[in-house]
All heavy atoms as atom14 arrays in JSON, in Angstrom:
{
  "sequence": "APLAPAADPRPALLSFLGGVGTVTGSKFLVESDHARILLDCGLFQGF",
  "atom14_mask": [
    [1, 1, 1, 1, 1, 0, 0, 0, 0, 0, 0, 0, 0, 0],
    [1, 1, 1, 1, 1, 1, 1, 0, 0, 0, 0, 0, 0, 0],
    [1, 1, 1, 1, 1, 1, 1, 1, 0, 0, 0, 0, 0, 0],
    [1, 1, 1, 1, 1, 0, 0, 0, 0, 0, 0, 0, 0, 0],
    [1, 1, 1, 1, 1, 1, 1, 0, 0, 0, 0, 0, 0, 0],
    [1, 1, 1, 1, 1, 0, 0, 0, 0, 0, 0, 0, 0, 0],
    [1, 1, 1, 1, 1, 0, 0, 0, 0, 0, 0, 0, 0, 0],
    [1, 1, 1, 1, 1, 1, 1, 1, 0, 0, 0, 0, 0, 0],
    [1, 1, 1, 1, 1, 1, 1, 0, 0, 0, 0, 0, 0, 0],
    [1, 1, 1, 1, 1, 1, 1, 1, 1, 1, 1, 0, 0, 0],
    [1, 1, 1, 1, 1, 1, 1, 0, 0, 0, 0, 0, 0, 0],
    [1, 1, 1, 1, 1, 0, 0, 0, 0, 0, 0, 0, 0, 0],
    [1, 1, 1, 1, 1, 1, 1, 1, 0, 0, 0, 0, 0, 0],
    [1, 1, 1, 1, 1, 1, 1, 1, 0, 0, 0, 0, 0, 0],
    [1, 1, 1, 1, 1, 1, 0, 0, 0, 0, 0, 0, 0, 0],
    [1, 1, 1, 1, 1, 1, 1, 1, 1, 1, 1, 0, 0, 0],
    [1, 1, 1, 1, 1, 1, 1, 1, 0, 0, 0, 0, 0, 0],
    [1, 1, 1, 1, 0, 0, 0, 0, 0, 0, 0, 0, 0, 0],
    [1, 1, 1, 1, 0, 0, 0, 0, 0, 0, 0, 0, 0, 0],
    [1, 1, 1, 1, 1, 1, 1, 0, 0, 0, 0, 0, 0, 0],
    [1, 1, 1, 1, 0, 0, 0, 0, 0, 0, 0, 0, 0, 0],
    [1, 1, 1, 1, 1, 1, 1, 0, 0, 0, 0, 0, 0, 0],
    [1, 1, 1, 1, 1, 1, 1, 0, 0, 0, 0, 0, 0, 0],
    [1, 1, 1, 1, 1, 1, 1, 0, 0, 0, 0, 0, 0, 0],
    [1, 1, 1, 1, 0, 0, 0, 0, 0, 0, 0, 0, 0, 0],
    [1, 1, 1, 1, 1, 1, 0, 0, 0, 0, 0, 0, 0, 0],
    [1, 1, 1, 1, 1, 1, 1, 1, 1, 0, 0, 0, 0, 0],
    [1, 1, 1, 1, 1, 1, 1, 1, 1, 1, 1, 0, 0, 0],
    [1, 1, 1, 1, 1, 1, 1, 1, 0, 0, 0, 0, 0, 0],
    [1, 1, 1, 1, 1, 1, 1, 0, 0, 0, 0, 0, 0, 0],
    [1, 1, 1, 1, 1, 1, 1, 1, 1, 0, 0, 0, 0, 0],
    [1, 1, 1, 1, 1, 1, 0, 0, 0, 0, 0, 0, 0, 0],
    [1, 1, 1, 1, 1, 1, 1, 1, 0, 0, 0, 0, 0, 0],
    [1, 1, 1, 1, 1, 1, 1, 1, 1, 1, 0, 0, 0, 0],
    [1, 1, 1, 1, 1, 0, 0, 0, 0, 0, 0, 0, 0, 0],
    [1, 1, 1, 1, 1, 1, 1, 1, 1, 1, 1, 0, 0, 0],
    [1, 1, 1, 1, 1, 1, 1, 1, 0, 0, 0, 0, 0, 0],
    [1, 1, 1, 1, 1, 1, 1, 1, 0, 0, 0, 0, 0, 0],
    [1, 1, 1, 1, 1, 1, 1, 1, 0, 0, 0, 0, 0, 0],
    [1, 1, 1, 1, 1, 1, 1, 1, 0, 0, 0, 0, 0, 0],
    [1, 1, 1, 1, 1, 1, 0, 0, 0, 0, 0, 0, 0, 0],
    [1, 1, 1, 1, 0, 0, 0, 0, 0, 0, 0, 0, 0, 0],
    [1, 1, 1, 1, 1, 1, 1, 1, 0, 0, 0, 0, 0, 0],
    [1, 1, 1, 1, 1, 1, 1, 1, 1, 1, 1, 0, 0, 0],
    [1, 1, 1, 1, 1, 1, 1, 1, 1, 0, 0, 0, 0, 0],
    [1, 1, 1, 1, 0, 0, 0, 0, 0, 0, 0, 0, 0, 0],
    [1, 1, 1, 1, 1, 1, 1, 1, 1, 1, 1, 0, 0, 0]
  ],
  "atom14_positions": [
    [[-39.33, -19.41, 30.75], [-37.89, -19.5, 30.52], [-37.18, -18.56, 31.47], [-37.65, -17.44, 31.71], [-37.57, -19.13, 29.07], [0.0, 0.0, 0.0], [0.0, 0.0, 0.0], [0.0, 0.0, 0.0], [0.0, 0.0, 0.0], [0.0, 0.0, 0.0], [0.0, 0.0, 0.0], [0.0, 0.0, 0.0], [0.0, 0.0, 0.0], [0.0, 0.0, 0.0]],
    [[-36.06, -18.98, 32.07], [-35.34, -18.1, 33.0], [-34.82, -16.85, 32.29], [-34.41, -16.9, 31.13], [-34.19, -18.98, 33.51], [-34.02, -20.03, 32.47], [-35.38, -20.27, 31.88], [0.0, 0.0, 0.0], [0.0, 0.0, 0.0], [0.0, 0.0, 0.0], [0.0, 0.0, 0.0], [0.0, 0.0, 0.0], [0.0, 0.0, 0.0], [0.0, 0.0, 0.0]],
    [[-34.87, -15.76, 33.01], [-34.37, -14.51, 32.45], [-32.86, -14.47, 32.55], [-32.28, -14.75, 33.6], [-34.96, -13.32, 33.22], [-36.47, -13.11, 33.08], [-36.94, -12.07, 34.09], [-36.84, -12.7, 31.67], [0.0, 0.0, 0.0], [0.0, 0.0, 0.0], [0.0, 0.0, 0.0], [0.0, 0.0, 0.0], [0.0, 0.0, 0.0], [0.0, 0.0, 0.0]],
    [[-32.22, -14.14, 31.45], [-30.76, -14.03, 31.46], [-30.37, -12.77, 32.2], [-30.9, -11.69, 31.93], [-30.23, -13.98, 30.03], [0.0, 0.0, 0.0], [0.0, 0.0, 0.0], [0.0, 0.0, 0.0], [0.0, 0.0, 0.0], [0.0, 0.0, 0.0], [0.0, 0.0, 0.0], [0.0, 0.0, 0.0], [0.0, 0.0, 0.0], [0.0, 0.0, 0.0]],
    [[-29.48, -12.87, 33.19], [-29.1, -11.67, 33.94], [-28.37, -10.68, 33.05], [-27.6, -11.04, 32.16], [-28.17, -12.24, 35.03], [-27.67, -13.52, 34.48], [-28.76, -14.07, 33.63], [0.0, 0.0, 0.0], [0.0, 0.0, 0.0], [0.0, 0.0, 0.0], [0.0, 0.0, 0.0], [0.0, 0.0, 0.0], [0.0, 0.0, 0.0], [0.0, 0.0, 0.0]],
    [[-28.66, -9.41, 33.28], [-27.98, -8.38, 32.51], [-26.5, -8.36, 32.89], [-26.11, -8.68, 34.01], [-28.61, -7.01, 32.81], [0.0, 0.0, 0.0], [0.0, 0.0, 0.0], [0.0, 0.0, 0.0], [0.0, 0.0, 0.0], [0.0, 0.0, 0.0], [0.0, 0.0, 0.0], [0.0, 0.0, 0.0], [0.0, 0.0, 0.0], [0.0, 0.0, 0.0]],
    [[-25.65, -8.02, 31.93], [-24.21, -8.0, 32.18], [-23.9, -7.0, 33.3], [-23.04, -7.24, 34.13], [-23.47, -7.62, 30.9], [0.0, 0.0, 0.0], [0.0, 0.0, 0.0], [0.0, 0.0, 0.0], [0.0, 0.0, 0.0], [0.0, 0.0, 0.0], [0.0, 0.0, 0.0], [0.0, 0.0, 0.0], [0.0, 0.0, 0.0], [0.0, 0.0, 0.0]],
    [[-24.6, -5.9, 33.29], [-24.37, -4.88, 34.32], [-25.73, -4.3, 34.71], [-26.14, -3.25, 34.21], [-23.46, -3.78, 33.76], [-23.03, -2.79, 34.83], [-23.22, -3.1, 36.02], [-22.53, -1.71, 34.47], [0.0, 0.0, 0.0], [0.0, 0.0, 0.0], [0.0, 0.0, 0.0], [0.0, 0.0, 0.0], [0.0, 0.0, 0.0], [0.0, 0.0, 0.0]],
    [[-26.47, -5.01, 35.58], [-27.83, -4.58, 35.9], [-27.85, -3.18, 36.52], [-26.97, -2.81, 37.29], [-28.31, -5.63, 36.9], [-27.08, -6.24, 37.47], [-26.06, -6.19, 36.36], [0.0, 0.0, 0.0], [0.0, 0.0, 0.0], [0.0, 0.0, 0.0], [0.0, 0.0, 0.0], [0.0, 0.0, 0.0], [0.0, 0.0, 0.0], [0.0, 0.0, 0.0]],
    [[-28.87, -2.45, 36.15], [-29.03, -1.11, 36.72], [-29.52, -1.21, 38.16], [-30.21, -2.16, 38.52], [-30.04, -0.33, 35.89], [-29.59, -0.02, 34.47], [-30.69, 0.62, 33.67], [-31.84, -0.28, 33.54], [-32.98, 0.05, 32.92], [-33.12, 1.27, 32.43], [-33.96, -0.82, 32.82], [0.0, 0.0, 0.0], [0.0, 0.0, 0.0], [0.0, 0.0, 0.0]],
    [[-29.17, -0.25, 39.01], [-29.67, -0.27, 40.39], [-31.2, -0.18, 40.39], [-31.82, 0.43, 39.52], [-29.05, 0.98, 41.02], [-27.91, 1.36, 40.13], [-28.27, 0.91, 38.76], [0.0, 0.0, 0.0], [0.0, 0.0, 0.0], [0.0, 0.0, 0.0], [0.0, 0.0, 0.0], [0.0, 0.0, 0.0], [0.0, 0.0, 0.0], [0.0, 0.0, 0.0]],
    [[-31.81, -0.81, 41.38], [-33.26, -0.72, 41.53], [-33.65, 0.69, 41.97], [-32.85, 1.42, 42.57], [-33.74, -1.74, 42.55], [0.0, 0.0, 0.0], [0.0, 0.0, 0.0], [0.0, 0.0, 0.0], [0.0, 0.0, 0.0], [0.0, 0.0, 0.0], [0.0, 0.0, 0.0], [0.0, 0.0, 0.0], [0.0, 0.0, 0.0], [0.0, 0.0, 0.0]],
    [[-34.88, 1.05, 41.67], [-35.43, 2.36, 42.01], [-36.46, 2.17, 43.11], [-37.37, 1.33, 43.0], [-36.07, 3.0, 40.79], [-36.41, 4.49, 40.87], [-35.13, 5.33, 40.94], [-37.23, 4.91, 39.65], [0.0, 0.0, 0.0], [0.0, 0.0, 0.0], [0.0, 0.0, 0.0], [0.0, 0.0, 0.0], [0.0, 0.0, 0.0], [0.0, 0.0, 0.0]],
    [[-36.35, 2.93, 44.18], [-37.28, 2.9, 45.29], [-38.1, 4.18, 45.29], [-37.54, 5.28, 45.36], [-36.52, 2.75, 46.61], [-37.3, 2.97, 47.91], [-38.39, 1.92, 48.08], [-36.35, 2.97, 49.11], [0.0, 0.0, 0.0], [0.0, 0.0, 0.0], [0.0, 0.0, 0.0], [0.0, 0.0, 0.0], [0.0, 0.0, 0.0], [0.0, 0.0, 0.0]],
    [[-39.43, 4.05, 45.22], [-40.32, 5.21, 45.21], [-41.19, 5.22, 46.45], [-41.76, 4.2, 46.84], [-41.2, 5.19, 43.95], [-40.43, 5.25, 42.78], [0.0, 0.0, 0.0], [0.0, 0.0, 0.0], [0.0, 0.0, 0.0], [0.0, 0.0, 0.0], [0.0, 0.0, 0.0], [0.0, 0.0, 0.0], [0.0, 0.0, 0.0], [0.0, 0.0, 0.0]],
    [[-41.33, 6.4, 47.06], [-42.12, 6.58, 48.28], [-43.51, 7.1, 47.88], [-43.69, 8.28, 47.63], [-41.42, 7.56, 49.22], [-40.05, 7.11, 49.63], [-38.92, 7.47, 48.9], [-39.88, 6.28, 50.73], [-37.65, 7.05, 49.27], [-38.62, 5.85, 51.11], [-37.5, 6.22, 50.38], [0.0, 0.0, 0.0], [0.0, 0.0, 0.0], [0.0, 0.0, 0.0]],
    [[-44.47, 6.19, 47.81], [-45.79, 6.52, 47.29], [-46.83, 6.72, 48.39], [-47.99, 7.01, 48.11], [-46.26, 5.41, 46.34], [-45.3, 5.09, 45.19], [-45.86, 3.97, 44.32], [-45.03, 6.33, 44.36], [0.0, 0.0, 0.0], [0.0, 0.0, 0.0], [0.0, 0.0, 0.0], [0.0, 0.0, 0.0], [0.0, 0.0, 0.0], [0.0, 0.0, 0.0]],
    [[-46.43, 6.59, 49.64], [-47.33, 6.78, 50.78], [-46.55, 6.56, 52.06], [-45.39, 6.14, 52.04], [0.0, 0.0, 0.0], [0.0, 0.0, 0.0], [0.0, 0.0, 0.0], [0.0, 0.0, 0.0], [0.0, 0.0, 0.0], [0.0, 0.0, 0.0], [0.0, 0.0, 0.0], [0.0, 0.0, 0.0], [0.0, 0.0, 0.0], [0.0, 0.0, 0.0]],
    [[-47.18, 6.86, 53.19], [-46.5, 6.66, 54.46], [-45.32, 7.59, 54.66], [-44.39, 7.26, 55.41], [0.0, 0.0, 0.0], [0.0, 0.0, 0.0], [0.0, 0.0, 0.0], [0.0, 0.0, 0.0], [0.0, 0.0, 0.0], [0.0, 0.0, 0.0], [0.0, 0.0, 0.0], [0.0, 0.0, 0.0], [0.0, 0.0, 0.0], [0.0, 0.0, 0.0]],
    [[-45.32, 8.76, 54.05], [-44.26, 9.75, 54.2], [-44.9, 11.05, 54.68], [-45.81, 11.58, 54.04], [-43.52, 9.99, 52.86], [-42.47, 11.08, 53.02], [-42.89, 8.7, 52.37], [0.0, 0.0, 0.0], [0.0, 0.0, 0.0], [0.0, 0.0, 0.0], [0.0, 0.0, 0.0], [0.0, 0.0, 0.0], [0.0, 0.0, 0.0], [0.0, 0.0, 0.0]],
    [[-44.44, 11.54, 55.84], [-45.06, 12.73, 56.43], [-46.38, 12.44, 57.09], [-47.06, 13.35, 57.56], [0.0, 0.0, 0.0], [0.0, 0.0, 0.0], [0.0, 0.0, 0.0], [0.0, 0.0, 0.0], [0.0, 0.0, 0.0], [0.0, 0.0, 0.0], [0.0, 0.0, 0.0], [0.0, 0.0, 0.0], [0.0, 0.0, 0.0], [0.0, 0.0, 0.0]],
    [[-46.76, 11.18, 57.14], [-48.01, 10.75, 57.74], [-47.84, 9.32, 58.22], [-46.93, 8.61, 57.78], [-49.18, 10.83, 56.72], [-50.37, 10.27, 57.3], [-48.86, 10.05, 55.46], [0.0, 0.0, 0.0], [0.0, 0.0, 0.0], [0.0, 0.0, 0.0], [0.0, 0.0, 0.0], [0.0, 0.0, 0.0], [0.0, 0.0, 0.0], [0.0, 0.0, 0.0]],
    [[-48.74, 8.89, 59.11], [-48.67, 7.51, 59.6], [-49.65, 6.61, 58.85], [-49.95, 5.5, 59.29], [-48.98, 7.43, 61.12], [-47.93, 8.17, 61.91], [-50.37, 7.98, 61.42], [0.0, 0.0, 0.0], [0.0, 0.0, 0.0], [0.0, 0.0, 0.0], [0.0, 0.0, 0.0], [0.0, 0.0, 0.0], [0.0, 0.0, 0.0], [0.0, 0.0, 0.0]],
    [[-50.15, 7.05, 57.73], [-51.1, 6.25, 56.97], [-50.64, 6.1, 55.52], [-49.72, 6.79, 55.06], [-52.51, 6.88, 56.99], [-52.5, 8.1, 56.23], [-52.95, 7.18, 58.39], [0.0, 0.0, 0.0], [0.0, 0.0, 0.0], [0.0, 0.0, 0.0], [0.0, 0.0, 0.0], [0.0, 0.0, 0.0], [0.0, 0.0, 0.0], [0.0, 0.0, 0.0]],
    [[-51.29, 5.17, 54.82], [-51.06, 5.01, 53.38], [-49.72, 4.45, 52.99], [-49.21, 4.75, 51.9], [0.0, 0.0, 0.0], [0.0, 0.0, 0.0], [0.0, 0.0, 0.0], [0.0, 0.0, 0.0], [0.0, 0.0, 0.0], [0.0, 0.0, 0.0], [0.0, 0.0, 0.0], [0.0, 0.0, 0.0], [0.0, 0.0, 0.0], [0.0, 0.0, 0.0]],
    [[-49.1, 3.6, 53.81], [-47.75, 3.09, 53.51], [-47.72, 2.33, 52.18], [-48.45, 1.35, 52.0], [-47.28, 2.18, 54.64], [-46.92, 2.93, 55.77], [0.0, 0.0, 0.0], [0.0, 0.0, 0.0], [0.0, 0.0, 0.0], [0.0, 0.0, 0.0], [0.0, 0.0, 0.0], [0.0, 0.0, 0.0], [0.0, 0.0, 0.0], [0.0, 0.0, 0.0]],
    [[-46.88, 2.8, 51.26], [-46.69, 2.16, 49.96], [-45.29, 2.51, 49.47], [-44.98, 3.69, 49.25], [-47.7, 2.65, 48.91], [-49.16, 2.43, 49.22], [-50.01, 2.94, 48.06], [-51.46, 3.07, 48.44], [-51.7, 4.22, 49.39], [0.0, 0.0, 0.0], [0.0, 0.0, 0.0], [0.0, 0.0, 0.0], [0.0, 0.0, 0.0], [0.0, 0.0, 0.0]],
    [[-44.46, 1.5, 49.27], [-43.08, 1.72, 48.82], [-42.81, 0.76, 47.66], [-42.89, -0.45, 47.83], [-42.1, 1.48, 49.98], [-42.52, 2.18, 51.25], [-43.05, 1.45, 52.32], [-42.45, 3.56, 51.36], [-43.46, 2.08, 53.48], [-42.86, 4.2, 52.52], [-43.37, 3.47, 53.59], [0.0, 0.0, 0.0], [0.0, 0.0, 0.0], [0.0, 0.0, 0.0]],
    [[-42.5, 1.32, 46.51], [-42.36, 0.52, 45.29], [-40.89, 0.36, 44.94], [-40.15, 1.34, 44.82], [-43.1, 1.19, 44.13], [-43.11, 0.44, 42.8], [-43.83, -0.9, 42.93], [-43.75, 1.29, 41.7], [0.0, 0.0, 0.0], [0.0, 0.0, 0.0], [0.0, 0.0, 0.0], [0.0, 0.0, 0.0], [0.0, 0.0, 0.0], [0.0, 0.0, 0.0]],
    [[-40.47, -0.91, 44.75], [-39.11, -1.23, 44.33], [-39.17, -1.74, 42.9], [-39.84, -2.74, 42.61], [-38.48, -2.31, 45.25], [-37.05, -2.61, 44.81], [-38.51, -1.85, 46.7], [0.0, 0.0, 0.0], [0.0, 0.0, 0.0], [0.0, 0.0, 0.0], [0.0, 0.0, 0.0], [0.0, 0.0, 0.0], [0.0, 0.0, 0.0], [0.0, 0.0, 0.0]],
    [[-38.46, -1.06, 41.99], [-38.47, -1.42, 40.57], [-37.05, -1.71, 40.1], [-36.18, -0.85, 40.16], [-39.05, -0.29, 39.73], [-40.49, 0.08, 40.1], [-40.96, 1.33, 39.38], [-40.67, 2.44, 39.88], [-41.59, 1.21, 38.32], [0.0, 0.0, 0.0], [0.0, 0.0, 0.0], [0.0, 0.0, 0.0], [0.0, 0.0, 0.0], [0.0, 0.0, 0.0]],
    [[-36.83, -2.96, 39.66], [-35.54, -3.34, 39.11], [-35.73, -3.74, 37.64], [-36.84, -3.61, 37.09], [-34.95, -4.52, 39.89], [-35.71, -5.69, 39.65], [0.0, 0.0, 0.0], [0.0, 0.0, 0.0], [0.0, 0.0, 0.0], [0.0, 0.0, 0.0], [0.0, 0.0, 0.0], [0.0, 0.0, 0.0], [0.0, 0.0, 0.0], [0.0, 0.0, 0.0]],
    [[-34.67, -4.22, 37.01], [-34.78, -4.63, 35.61], [-35.79, -5.76, 35.43], [-36.38, -5.89, 34.35], [-33.41, -5.1, 35.09], [-32.48, -3.94, 34.8], [-32.97, -2.79, 34.67], [-31.25, -4.16, 34.73], [0.0, 0.0, 0.0], [0.0, 0.0, 0.0], [0.0, 0.0, 0.0], [0.0, 0.0, 0.0], [0.0, 0.0, 0.0], [0.0, 0.0, 0.0]],
    [[-35.98, -6.59, 36.46], [-36.8, -7.78, 36.29], [-37.98, -7.87, 37.25], [-38.74, -8.84, 37.17], [-35.93, -9.03, 36.48], [-34.79, -9.11, 35.52], [-34.96, -9.1, 34.16], [-33.46, -9.17, 35.72], [-33.78, -9.16, 33.55], [-32.85, -9.2, 34.48], [0.0, 0.0, 0.0], [0.0, 0.0, 0.0], [0.0, 0.0, 0.0], [0.0, 0.0, 0.0]],
    [[-38.16, -6.93, 38.15], [-39.24, -7.06, 39.12], [-39.74, -5.7, 39.58], [-38.97, -4.74, 39.69], [-38.77, -7.87, 40.33], [0.0, 0.0, 0.0], [0.0, 0.0, 0.0], [0.0, 0.0, 0.0], [0.0, 0.0, 0.0], [0.0, 0.0, 0.0], [0.0, 0.0, 0.0], [0.0, 0.0, 0.0], [0.0, 0.0, 0.0], [0.0, 0.0, 0.0]],
    [[-41.04, -5.63, 39.83], [-41.66, -4.47, 40.48], [-42.39, -5.01, 41.71], [-43.41, -5.69, 41.58], [-42.64, -3.76, 39.55], [-41.98, -3.01, 38.4], [-43.0, -2.23, 37.58], [-42.38, -1.52, 36.49], [-42.16, -2.01, 35.29], [-42.53, -3.27, 35.01], [-41.6, -1.29, 34.35], [0.0, 0.0, 0.0], [0.0, 0.0, 0.0], [0.0, 0.0, 0.0]],
    [[-41.87, -4.68, 42.88], [-42.41, -5.19, 44.14], [-42.93, -4.02, 44.97], [-42.19, -3.06, 45.21], [-41.34, -5.95, 44.96], [-40.6, -6.97, 44.08], [-41.98, -6.6, 46.18], [-41.45, -8.08, 43.56], [0.0, 0.0, 0.0], [0.0, 0.0, 0.0], [0.0, 0.0, 0.0], [0.0, 0.0, 0.0], [0.0, 0.0, 0.0], [0.0, 0.0, 0.0]],
    [[-44.18, -4.1, 45.39], [-44.77, -3.07, 46.26], [-44.7, -3.56, 47.7], [-45.19, -4.64, 48.04], [-46.22, -2.8, 45.87], [-46.94, -1.69, 46.64], [-46.26, -0.34, 46.41], [-48.41, -1.63, 46.24], [0.0, 0.0, 0.0], [0.0, 0.0, 0.0], [0.0, 0.0, 0.0], [0.0, 0.0, 0.0], [0.0, 0.0, 0.0], [0.0, 0.0, 0.0]],
    [[-44.05, -2.76, 48.55], [-43.92, -3.08, 49.97], [-45.0, -2.31, 50.73], [-44.96, -1.08, 50.82], [-42.53, -2.7, 50.48], [-41.36, -3.4, 49.77], [-40.04, -2.77, 50.16], [-41.36, -4.89, 50.07], [0.0, 0.0, 0.0], [0.0, 0.0, 0.0], [0.0, 0.0, 0.0], [0.0, 0.0, 0.0], [0.0, 0.0, 0.0], [0.0, 0.0, 0.0]],
    [[-45.98, -3.03, 51.23], [-47.17, -2.52, 51.89], [-48.07, -1.78, 50.9], [-47.62, -1.28, 49.86], [-46.85, -1.65, 53.1], [-46.6, -2.49, 54.35], [-47.09, -3.64, 54.4], [-45.92, -2.02, 55.29], [0.0, 0.0, 0.0], [0.0, 0.0, 0.0], [0.0, 0.0, 0.0], [0.0, 0.0, 0.0], [0.0, 0.0, 0.0], [0.0, 0.0, 0.0]],
    [[-49.35, -1.78, 51.23], [-50.36, -1.24, 50.31], [-51.49, -0.67, 51.16], [-52.6, -1.19, 51.17], [-50.84, -2.35, 49.38], [-51.87, -1.79, 48.01], [0.0, 0.0, 0.0], [0.0, 0.0, 0.0], [0.0, 0.0, 0.0], [0.0, 0.0, 0.0], [0.0, 0.0, 0.0], [0.0, 0.0, 0.0], [0.0, 0.0, 0.0], [0.0, 0.0, 0.0]],
    [[-51.17, 0.41, 51.89], [-52.08, 0.92, 52.89], [-53.02, 2.01, 52.43], [-52.79, 2.67, 51.41], [0.0, 0.0, 0.0], [0.0, 0.0, 0.0], [0.0, 0.0, 0.0], [0.0, 0.0, 0.0], [0.0, 0.0, 0.0], [0.0, 0.0, 0.0], [0.0, 0.0, 0.0], [0.0, 0.0, 0.0], [0.0, 0.0, 0.0], [0.0, 0.0, 0.0]],
    [[-54.07, 2.2, 53.2], [-55.07, 3.22, 52.94], [-54.67, 4.51, 53.65], [-54.17, 4.48, 54.78], [-56.41, 2.73, 53.48], [-57.7, 3.2, 52.8], [-57.74, 2.77, 51.35], [-58.9, 2.63, 53.55], [0.0, 0.0, 0.0], [0.0, 0.0, 0.0], [0.0, 0.0, 0.0], [0.0, 0.0, 0.0], [0.0, 0.0, 0.0], [0.0, 0.0, 0.0]],
    [[-54.88, 5.64, 52.98], [-54.69, 6.94, 53.64], [-55.88, 7.22, 54.53], [-57.03, 6.97, 54.16], [-54.55, 8.05, 52.61], [-53.23, 8.07, 51.89], [-53.14, 7.64, 50.58], [-52.08, 8.53, 52.52], [-51.92, 7.66, 49.9], [-50.87, 8.55, 51.86], [-50.79, 8.11, 50.55], [0.0, 0.0, 0.0], [0.0, 0.0, 0.0], [0.0, 0.0, 0.0]],
    [[-55.61, 7.78, 55.71], [-56.66, 8.16, 56.66], [-56.35, 9.54, 57.21], [-55.24, 10.05, 57.06], [-56.72, 7.13, 57.8], [-57.04, 5.72, 57.36], [-56.76, 4.7, 58.45], [-55.63, 4.33, 58.71], [-57.82, 4.23, 59.09], [0.0, 0.0, 0.0], [0.0, 0.0, 0.0], [0.0, 0.0, 0.0], [0.0, 0.0, 0.0], [0.0, 0.0, 0.0]],
    [[-57.33, 10.16, 57.87], [-57.09, 11.45, 58.49], [-57.67, 12.6, 57.7], [-58.85, 12.59, 57.35], [0.0, 0.0, 0.0], [0.0, 0.0, 0.0], [0.0, 0.0, 0.0], [0.0, 0.0, 0.0], [0.0, 0.0, 0.0], [0.0, 0.0, 0.0], [0.0, 0.0, 0.0], [0.0, 0.0, 0.0], [0.0, 0.0, 0.0], [0.0, 0.0, 0.0]],
    [[-56.84, 13.61, 57.4], [-57.31, 14.8, 56.71], [-57.92, 14.46, 55.36], [-57.53, 13.5, 54.69], [-56.16, 15.78, 56.5], [-55.67, 16.45, 57.76], [-54.35, 16.32, 58.16], [-56.53, 17.19, 58.55], [-53.89, 16.93, 59.32], [-56.09, 17.82, 59.71], [-54.77, 17.68, 60.09], [0.0, 0.0, 0.0], [0.0, 0.0, 0.0], [0.0, 0.0, 0.0]]
  ]
}
């Protein structure tokens, strides 16, 4: 069944879970009222 849109949806939350301060492990999670989308899913390398 289609999800009824919220009257005033909350802004999505973006979390930096990898690929910050390093060139490895890129993972960026976007969480909204109706979806959790992970942008890239990389492995950490190096130290």
